[in-house]
């Protein structure tokens, strides 16, 4: 089964890392479905049933987003709140649609890796900051598989040349998704 990648970036056109990751994933349409929330729901009104059916029609699930204020963009939070509903994602009334489904995160951190350290500038690791996502997946009995991260500020558009750090990150990301 294909992997569903939920991409949430409010300005993907000006992104460097997330945009490059999407470009790389789209090279393999037989393996991945890239679903861009801001393009699907520019008004923020999520079709919950459609999203649930999309998840059900795929195998693995990856949430891809830039870290915003040490969390996810607001539309992804709304998506999680709406789509991972009682009776569907969890609960005693059939809430098992995520059970045993492999799930992971792909994040662009925007800050140097050393700043995400207990002794670093922000006092917490990225693993600690991503804990609510891991906990959410575990609560829904999904098989949480960790995250893939790009640390540091994005470079200027146009610096994406073959063999660059950006291309390597995109190729490593595809390997990470394949390993789920």
Protein backbone atom coordinates (compact mmCIF):
# COMPACT_ATOMS: atom_id res chain seq x y z
CA UNK A 1 0.00 0.00 0.00
CA UNK A 2 1.07 3.56 -0.68
CA UNK A 3 2.24 5.94 2.03
CA UNK A 4 0.15 9.04 2.64
CA UNK A 5 2.19 12.17 3.34
CA UNK A 6 0.18 15.03 4.84
CA UNK A 7 2.09 18.22 4.03
CA UNK A 8 1.20 21.32 6.01
CA UNK A 9 3.11 24.42 5.04
CA UNK A 10 1.26 27.73 4.68
CA UNK A 11 3.69 29.04 2.04
CA UNK A 12 5.10 25.95 0.34
CA UNK A 13 5.91 28.01 -2.77
CA UNK A 14 8.56 29.97 -0.87
CA UNK A 15 9.77 27.03 1.18
CA UNK A 16 13.09 25.46 0.39
CA UNK A 17 13.26 22.28 2.46
CA UNK A 18 9.60 21.24 2.52
CA UNK A 19 9.14 22.14 -1.13
CA UNK A 20 12.20 20.08 -2.09
CA UNK A 21 10.95 17.12 -0.04
CA UNK A 22 7.58 17.31 -1.82
CA UNK A 23 9.31 17.43 -5.22
CA UNK A 24 11.32 14.33 -4.34
CA UNK A 25 8.28 12.38 -3.11
CA UNK A 26 6.30 13.29 -6.23
CA UNK A 27 8.91 11.49 -8.34
CA UNK A 28 7.43 8.23 -6.99
CA UNK A 29 3.62 8.49 -7.39
CA UNK A 30 3.32 4.71 -7.22
CA UNK A 31 4.72 4.78 -3.66
CA UNK A 32 3.50 8.05 -2.14
CA UNK A 33 0.43 10.24 -2.11
CA UNK A 34 1.37 13.81 -1.25
CA UNK A 35 -1.61 15.64 0.23
CA UNK A 36 -1.03 19.36 0.77
CA UNK A 37 -3.51 20.64 3.34
CA UNK A 38 -3.18 24.34 2.52
CA UNK A 39 -3.91 23.63 -1.14
CA UNK A 40 -6.80 21.29 -0.33
CA UNK A 41 -8.33 23.59 2.31
CA UNK A 42 -7.33 27.22 1.69
CA UNK A 43 -10.35 28.30 3.75
CA UNK A 44 -9.43 25.95 6.62
CA UNK A 45 -12.70 24.01 6.38
CA UNK A 46 -11.62 20.37 6.51
CA UNK A 47 -13.74 17.62 4.95
CA UNK A 48 -13.29 15.14 7.80
CA UNK A 49 -14.91 12.16 6.10
CA UNK A 50 -12.80 12.66 2.97
CA UNK A 51 -9.62 12.88 5.08
CA UNK A 52 -10.50 9.77 7.05
CA UNK A 53 -11.19 7.85 3.84
CA UNK A 54 -7.87 9.04 2.44
CA UNK A 55 -6.02 7.69 5.48
CA UNK A 56 -7.94 4.41 5.35
CA UNK A 57 -7.02 3.93 1.67
CA UNK A 58 -3.29 4.11 2.45
CA UNK A 59 -0.82 2.12 4.50
CA UNK A 60 1.65 4.33 6.34
CA UNK A 61 1.07 7.92 7.40
CA UNK A 62 3.64 10.73 7.54
CA UNK A 63 2.96 14.25 8.78
CA UNK A 64 5.36 16.73 7.15
CA UNK A 65 5.60 20.30 8.43
CA UNK A 66 7.89 23.13 9.52
CA UNK A 67 8.19 23.55 13.28
CA UNK A 68 6.13 26.62 14.27
CA UNK A 69 6.61 27.98 17.77
CA UNK A 70 7.86 24.55 18.81
CA UNK A 71 4.73 22.88 17.45
CA UNK A 72 2.99 22.33 14.12
CA UNK A 73 1.26 24.89 11.89
CA UNK A 74 -2.31 25.70 13.03
CA UNK A 75 -4.00 23.95 10.10
CA UNK A 76 -2.31 20.65 10.98
CA UNK A 77 -3.43 20.98 14.60
CA UNK A 78 -7.00 21.57 13.38
CA UNK A 79 -6.68 18.61 11.02
CA UNK A 80 -5.54 16.37 13.88
CA UNK A 81 -8.34 17.60 16.15
CA UNK A 82 -11.01 17.09 13.48
CA UNK A 83 -9.82 13.96 11.67
CA UNK A 84 -8.57 11.90 14.63
CA UNK A 85 -12.08 11.82 16.04
CA UNK A 86 -13.59 9.68 18.79
CA UNK A 87 -15.12 6.59 17.26
CA UNK A 88 -12.74 6.71 14.31
CA UNK A 89 -9.18 7.11 15.63
CA UNK A 90 -9.79 6.09 19.24
CA UNK A 91 -12.54 5.20 21.68
CA UNK A 92 -14.71 2.27 22.59
CA UNK A 93 -17.04 2.63 19.59
CA UNK A 94 -14.88 1.33 16.76
CA UNK A 95 -12.08 3.88 17.07
CA UNK A 96 -9.34 1.73 15.62
CA UNK A 97 -8.62 3.15 12.16
CA UNK A 98 -5.04 4.05 13.10
CA UNK A 99 -4.36 0.83 14.98
CA UNK A 100 -1.01 -0.69 13.95
CA UNK A 101 -0.66 1.85 11.12
CA UNK A 102 2.96 2.99 10.84
CA UNK A 103 3.14 6.73 11.45
CA UNK A 104 6.01 9.19 11.44
CA UNK A 105 6.88 12.87 11.24
CA UNK A 106 9.07 14.86 8.86
CA UNK A 107 9.94 18.30 10.17
CA UNK A 108 12.06 21.24 9.17
CA UNK A 109 13.31 22.54 12.48
CA UNK A 110 14.54 25.96 11.43
CA UNK A 111 17.05 26.04 14.28
CA UNK A 112 20.51 24.53 14.57
CA UNK A 113 20.59 21.03 16.06
CA UNK A 114 22.77 22.14 18.98
CA UNK A 115 20.05 24.61 20.04
CA UNK A 116 17.68 21.64 20.43
CA UNK A 117 19.55 20.18 23.37
CA UNK A 118 19.04 20.09 27.12
CA UNK A 119 22.14 22.27 27.43
CA UNK A 120 21.26 24.30 24.34
CA UNK A 121 19.54 27.58 23.81
CA UNK A 122 16.00 26.20 24.15
CA UNK A 123 16.69 23.50 26.78
CA UNK A 124 14.70 20.80 25.03
CA UNK A 125 15.54 18.29 22.34
CA UNK A 126 13.46 18.04 19.20
CA UNK A 127 12.47 14.57 20.41
CA UNK A 128 11.00 16.15 23.55
CA UNK A 129 9.22 18.84 21.57
CA UNK A 130 7.67 16.24 19.24
CA UNK A 131 6.44 14.13 22.18
CA UNK A 132 2.78 15.27 21.85
CA UNK A 133 2.68 13.84 18.32
CA UNK A 134 4.20 10.56 19.43
CA UNK A 135 1.76 10.41 22.34
CA UNK A 136 -1.19 11.11 20.02
CA UNK A 137 -0.21 8.27 17.70
CA UNK A 138 0.36 5.90 20.60
CA UNK A 139 -2.99 6.86 22.14
CA UNK A 140 -4.60 5.86 18.84
CA UNK A 141 -2.60 2.58 18.87
CA UNK A 142 -0.65 3.56 15.76
CA UNK A 143 2.90 2.27 15.32
CA UNK A 144 4.86 5.50 15.79
CA UNK A 145 8.21 5.28 14.01
CA UNK A 146 9.97 8.52 15.03
CA UNK A 147 10.76 11.52 12.84
CA UNK A 148 13.01 12.82 10.12
CA UNK A 149 14.36 16.33 10.66
CA UNK A 150 16.22 19.02 8.80
CA UNK A 151 17.94 21.34 11.26
CA UNK A 152 18.97 24.89 10.58
CA UNK A 153 17.56 27.80 8.65
CA UNK A 154 16.47 27.23 5.11
CA UNK A 155 18.85 28.51 2.47
CA UNK A 156 17.91 31.00 -0.19
CA UNK A 157 15.86 29.72 -3.15
CA UNK A 158 18.04 28.90 -6.12
CA UNK A 159 20.76 27.26 -4.07
CA UNK A 160 19.30 23.85 -4.84
CA UNK A 161 22.02 22.41 -7.05
CA UNK A 162 22.59 18.71 -7.73
CA UNK A 163 24.64 17.12 -5.00
CA UNK A 164 23.85 19.88 -2.54
CA UNK A 165 22.89 19.39 1.10
CA UNK A 166 19.28 20.02 0.06
CA UNK A 167 19.28 17.19 -2.47
CA UNK A 168 20.91 14.86 0.03
CA UNK A 169 18.25 15.75 2.59
CA UNK A 170 15.49 14.99 0.06
CA UNK A 171 17.03 11.63 -0.83
CA UNK A 172 17.54 10.77 2.85
CA UNK A 173 13.91 11.70 3.50
CA UNK A 174 12.69 9.27 0.83
CA UNK A 175 14.85 6.55 2.40
CA UNK A 176 13.34 7.34 5.79
CA UNK A 177 9.78 7.07 4.43
CA UNK A 178 10.67 3.82 2.65
CA UNK A 179 11.97 2.39 5.91
CA UNK A 180 8.64 2.70 7.73
